[in-house]
Amino acid sequence: SKKISGDPVIIPEELREKIGMVIRKEMTRLSHHILVISVAAMHCHFLVELPDDLKEIRRIVGECKRKASMALRTKLPGRVWAHDGKYKGVDSVEHQRNTYGYILKQNDAWIWSHKRDDEEVE
């Protein structure tokens, strides 16, 4: 297991949407299609199309985490994210659906999905 230094950071409920939208915007800017994202008190989940290259995934996710931290630094100073994270590839349509559903059902989290966004446009 990974050792995490320092006290855990709790993301206040009122800042979760901002974090999610910054990550979503950055993924879109980098031309990566994001399907769903959830931001809870101590973690974030998202389902996004990324290259099959762990080094590149780490770089992309790190850039998104950096942008989110910068957007919140006056309200949530210091280190927000643990180093690195868990990256799980999706290898089938069923796996994608299950992951999508899992992220949508996160408790006490701000959640965005491409479907909800599409519904708001109509």
C-alpha atoms as a PDB file:
ATOM      1  CA  SER A   1       0.000   0.000   0.000  1.00  0.00           C
ATOM      2  CA  LYS A   2       1.063   3.585  -0.570  1.00  0.00           C
ATOM      3  CA  LYS A   3       2.046   5.746   2.355  1.00  0.00           C
ATOM      4  CA  ILE A   4       0.305   9.110   2.439  1.00  0.00           C
ATOM      5  CA  SER A   5       2.005  11.856   4.416  1.00  0.00           C
ATOM      6  CA  GLY A   6       0.222  14.581   6.322  1.00  0.00           C
ATOM      7  CA  ASP A   7      -3.338  14.911   7.482  1.00  0.00           C
ATOM      8  CA  PRO A   8      -6.117  13.868   5.113  1.00  0.00           C
ATOM      9  CA  VAL A   9      -7.650  16.751   3.182  1.00  0.00           C
ATOM     10  CA  ILE A  10     -11.427  17.081   3.333  1.00  0.00           C
ATOM     11  CA  ILE A  11     -12.879  18.797   0.282  1.00  0.00           C
ATOM     12  CA  PRO A  12     -15.743  21.014   1.496  1.00  0.00           C
ATOM     13  CA  GLU A  13     -19.066  20.289  -0.174  1.00  0.00           C
ATOM     14  CA  GLU A  14     -19.289  23.814  -1.608  1.00  0.00           C
ATOM     15  CA  LEU A  15     -15.983  23.347  -3.502  1.00  0.00           C
ATOM     16  CA  ARG A  16     -16.673  19.935  -5.055  1.00  0.00           C
ATOM     17  CA  GLU A  17     -18.502  21.244  -8.114  1.00  0.00           C
ATOM     18  CA  LYS A  18     -15.681  23.688  -8.848  1.00  0.00           C
ATOM     19  CA  ILE A  19     -13.113  20.870  -8.686  1.00  0.00           C
ATOM     20  CA  GLY A  20     -15.222  18.644 -10.933  1.00  0.00           C
ATOM     21  CA  MET A  21     -15.811  21.357 -13.500  1.00  0.00           C
ATOM     22  CA  VAL A  22     -12.120  22.312 -13.620  1.00  0.00           C
ATOM     23  CA  ILE A  23     -11.146  18.665 -14.206  1.00  0.00           C
ATOM     24  CA  ARG A  24     -13.877  18.291 -16.834  1.00  0.00           C
ATOM     25  CA  LYS A  25     -12.814  21.486 -18.612  1.00  0.00           C
ATOM     26  CA  GLU A  26      -9.138  20.490 -18.590  1.00  0.00           C
ATOM     27  CA  MET A  27      -9.870  16.996 -19.928  1.00  0.00           C
ATOM     28  CA  THR A  28     -11.932  18.575 -22.699  1.00  0.00           C
ATOM     29  CA  ARG A  29      -9.189  21.121 -23.443  1.00  0.00           C
ATOM     30  CA  LEU A  30      -6.735  18.234 -23.759  1.00  0.00           C
ATOM     31  CA  SER A  31      -9.184  16.479 -26.163  1.00  0.00           C
ATOM     32  CA  HIS A  32     -10.096  13.630 -23.787  1.00  0.00           C
ATOM     33  CA  HIS A  33     -13.776  12.686 -23.743  1.00  0.00           C
ATOM     34  CA  ILE A  34     -15.033  12.499 -20.143  1.00  0.00           C
ATOM     35  CA  LEU A  35     -18.248  10.569 -19.508  1.00  0.00           C
ATOM     36  CA  VAL A  36     -18.826  10.986 -15.770  1.00  0.00           C
ATOM     37  CA  ILE A  37     -17.082  12.487 -12.743  1.00  0.00           C
ATOM     38  CA  SER A  38     -17.751  12.496  -9.006  1.00  0.00           C
ATOM     39  CA  VAL A  39     -16.007  14.561  -6.346  1.00  0.00           C
ATOM     40  CA  ALA A  40     -16.483  13.539  -2.718  1.00  0.00           C
ATOM     41  CA  ALA A  41     -14.900  14.668   0.539  1.00  0.00           C
ATOM     42  CA  MET A  42     -11.657  12.737   0.093  1.00  0.00           C
ATOM     43  CA  HIS A  43     -11.518  11.459  -3.461  1.00  0.00           C
ATOM     44  CA  CYS A  44     -12.563  11.870  -7.048  1.00  0.00           C
ATOM     45  CA  HIS A  45     -13.606   9.285  -9.649  1.00  0.00           C
ATOM     46  CA  PHE A  46     -13.937   9.812 -13.370  1.00  0.00           C
ATOM     47  CA  LEU A  47     -14.431   7.790 -16.510  1.00  0.00           C
ATOM     48  CA  VAL A  48     -12.519   9.288 -19.395  1.00  0.00           C
ATOM     49  CA  GLU A  49     -10.996   8.130 -22.663  1.00  0.00           C
ATOM     50  CA  LEU A  50      -7.216   8.283 -22.264  1.00  0.00           C
ATOM     51  CA  PRO A  51      -4.259   6.794 -24.142  1.00  0.00           C
ATOM     52  CA  ASP A  52      -3.146   3.288 -23.157  1.00  0.00           C
ATOM     53  CA  ASP A  53       0.108   4.629 -21.707  1.00  0.00           C
ATOM     54  CA  LEU A  54       0.491   4.839 -17.916  1.00  0.00           C
ATOM     55  CA  LYS A  55       3.152   7.551 -18.046  1.00  0.00           C
ATOM     56  CA  GLU A  56       0.906   9.707 -20.260  1.00  0.00           C
ATOM     57  CA  ILE A  57      -2.145   9.006 -18.061  1.00  0.00           C
ATOM     58  CA  ARG A  58      -0.226  10.156 -14.995  1.00  0.00           C
ATOM     59  CA  ARG A  59       0.836  13.322 -16.804  1.00  0.00           C
ATOM     60  CA  ILE A  60      -2.724  14.132 -17.939  1.00  0.00           C
ATOM     61  CA  VAL A  61      -4.336  13.409 -14.566  1.00  0.00           C
ATOM     62  CA  GLY A  62      -1.557  15.307 -12.790  1.00  0.00           C
ATOM     63  CA  GLU A  63      -2.216  18.346 -14.963  1.00  0.00           C
ATOM     64  CA  CYS A  64      -5.947  18.185 -14.145  1.00  0.00           C
ATOM     65  CA  LYS A  65      -5.222  17.877 -10.416  1.00  0.00           C
ATOM     66  CA  ARG A  66      -2.803  20.817 -10.632  1.00  0.00           C
ATOM     67  CA  LYS A  67      -5.406  23.000 -12.378  1.00  0.00           C
ATOM     68  CA  ALA A  68      -8.051  22.079  -9.793  1.00  0.00           C
ATOM     69  CA  SER A  69      -5.666  22.891  -6.934  1.00  0.00           C
ATOM     70  CA  MET A  70      -4.756  26.242  -8.498  1.00  0.00           C
ATOM     71  CA  ALA A  71      -8.451  27.141  -8.911  1.00  0.00           C
ATOM     72  CA  LEU A  72      -9.029  26.541  -5.184  1.00  0.00           C
ATOM     73  CA  ARG A  73      -5.789  27.684  -3.602  1.00  0.00           C
ATOM     74  CA  THR A  74      -7.342  30.662  -1.785  1.00  0.00           C
ATOM     75  CA  LYS A  75     -10.126  28.514  -0.267  1.00  0.00           C
ATOM     76  CA  LEU A  76      -8.227  25.232   0.079  1.00  0.00           C
ATOM     77  CA  PRO A  77      -4.502  26.031   0.350  1.00  0.00           C
ATOM     78  CA  GLY A  78      -1.772  23.410   0.477  1.00  0.00           C
ATOM     79  CA  ARG A  79      -1.696  19.918  -0.942  1.00  0.00           C
ATOM     80  CA  VAL A  80      -5.164  18.669  -1.930  1.00  0.00           C
ATOM     81  CA  TRP A  81      -4.325  15.464  -3.797  1.00  0.00           C
ATOM     82  CA  ALA A  82      -2.314  12.415  -2.839  1.00  0.00           C
ATOM     83  CA  HIS A  83       0.597  11.659  -5.159  1.00  0.00           C
ATOM     84  CA  ASP A  84      -0.431   9.571  -8.157  1.00  0.00           C
ATOM     85  CA  GLY A  85      -3.663   7.567  -7.848  1.00  0.00           C
ATOM     86  CA  LYS A  86      -5.270   4.384  -9.076  1.00  0.00           C
ATOM     87  CA  TYR A  87      -5.778   3.985 -12.792  1.00  0.00           C
ATOM     88  CA  LYS A  88      -7.936   1.138 -14.015  1.00  0.00           C
ATOM     89  CA  GLY A  89      -8.369   0.376 -17.680  1.00  0.00           C
ATOM     90  CA  VAL A  90     -11.801  -0.435 -19.068  1.00  0.00           C
ATOM     91  CA  ASP A  91     -11.708  -3.509 -21.269  1.00  0.00           C
ATOM     92  CA  SER A  92     -15.333  -4.094 -22.288  1.00  0.00           C
ATOM     93  CA  VAL A  93     -18.664  -2.335 -22.774  1.00  0.00           C
ATOM     94  CA  GLU A  94     -20.004  -4.108 -19.681  1.00  0.00           C
ATOM     95  CA  HIS A  95     -17.039  -2.892 -17.626  1.00  0.00           C
ATOM     96  CA  GLN A  96     -17.627   0.659 -18.897  1.00  0.00           C
ATOM     97  CA  ARG A  97     -21.331   0.521 -17.948  1.00  0.00           C
ATOM     98  CA  ASN A  98     -20.536  -0.866 -14.491  1.00  0.00           C
ATOM     99  CA  THR A  99     -17.889   1.791 -13.881  1.00  0.00           C
ATOM    100  CA  TYR A 100     -20.225   4.529 -15.104  1.00  0.00           C
ATOM    101  CA  GLY A 101     -22.967   3.324 -12.742  1.00  0.00           C
ATOM    102  CA  TYR A 102     -20.546   3.046  -9.827  1.00  0.00           C
ATOM    103  CA  ILE A 103     -19.408   6.648 -10.262  1.00  0.00           C
ATOM    104  CA  LEU A 104     -23.010   7.903 -10.592  1.00  0.00           C
ATOM    105  CA  LYS A 105     -23.909   6.260  -7.270  1.00  0.00           C
ATOM    106  CA  GLN A 106     -21.178   7.833  -5.127  1.00  0.00           C
ATOM    107  CA  ASN A 107     -22.581   8.975  -1.780  1.00  0.00           C
ATOM    108  CA  ASP A 108     -22.248  12.578  -0.657  1.00  0.00           C
ATOM    109  CA  ALA A 109     -20.511  13.586  -3.878  1.00  0.00           C
ATOM    110  CA  TRP A 110     -21.007  16.215  -6.544  1.00  0.00           C
ATOM    111  CA  ILE A 111     -21.639  14.302  -9.776  1.00  0.00           C
ATOM    112  CA  TRP A 112     -21.660  15.298 -13.439  1.00  0.00           C
ATOM    113  CA  SER A 113     -22.331  13.071 -16.417  1.00  0.00           C
ATOM    114  CA  HIS A 114     -22.420  13.699 -20.138  1.00  0.00           C
ATOM    115  CA  LYS A 115     -26.034  12.412 -20.168  1.00  0.00           C
ATOM    116  CA  ARG A 116     -27.191  14.976 -17.630  1.00  0.00           C
ATOM    117  CA  ASP A 117     -25.407  17.691 -19.577  1.00  0.00           C
ATOM    118  CA  ASP A 118     -27.170  16.575 -22.776  1.00  0.00           C
ATOM    119  CA  GLU A 119     -30.557  16.622 -20.995  1.00  0.00           C
ATOM    120  CA  GLU A 120     -30.022  20.215 -19.844  1.00  0.00           C
ATOM    121  CA  VAL A 121     -29.389  21.341 -23.429  1.00  0.00           C
ATOM    122  CA  GLU A 122     -32.648  19.898 -24.763  1.00  0.00           C
END
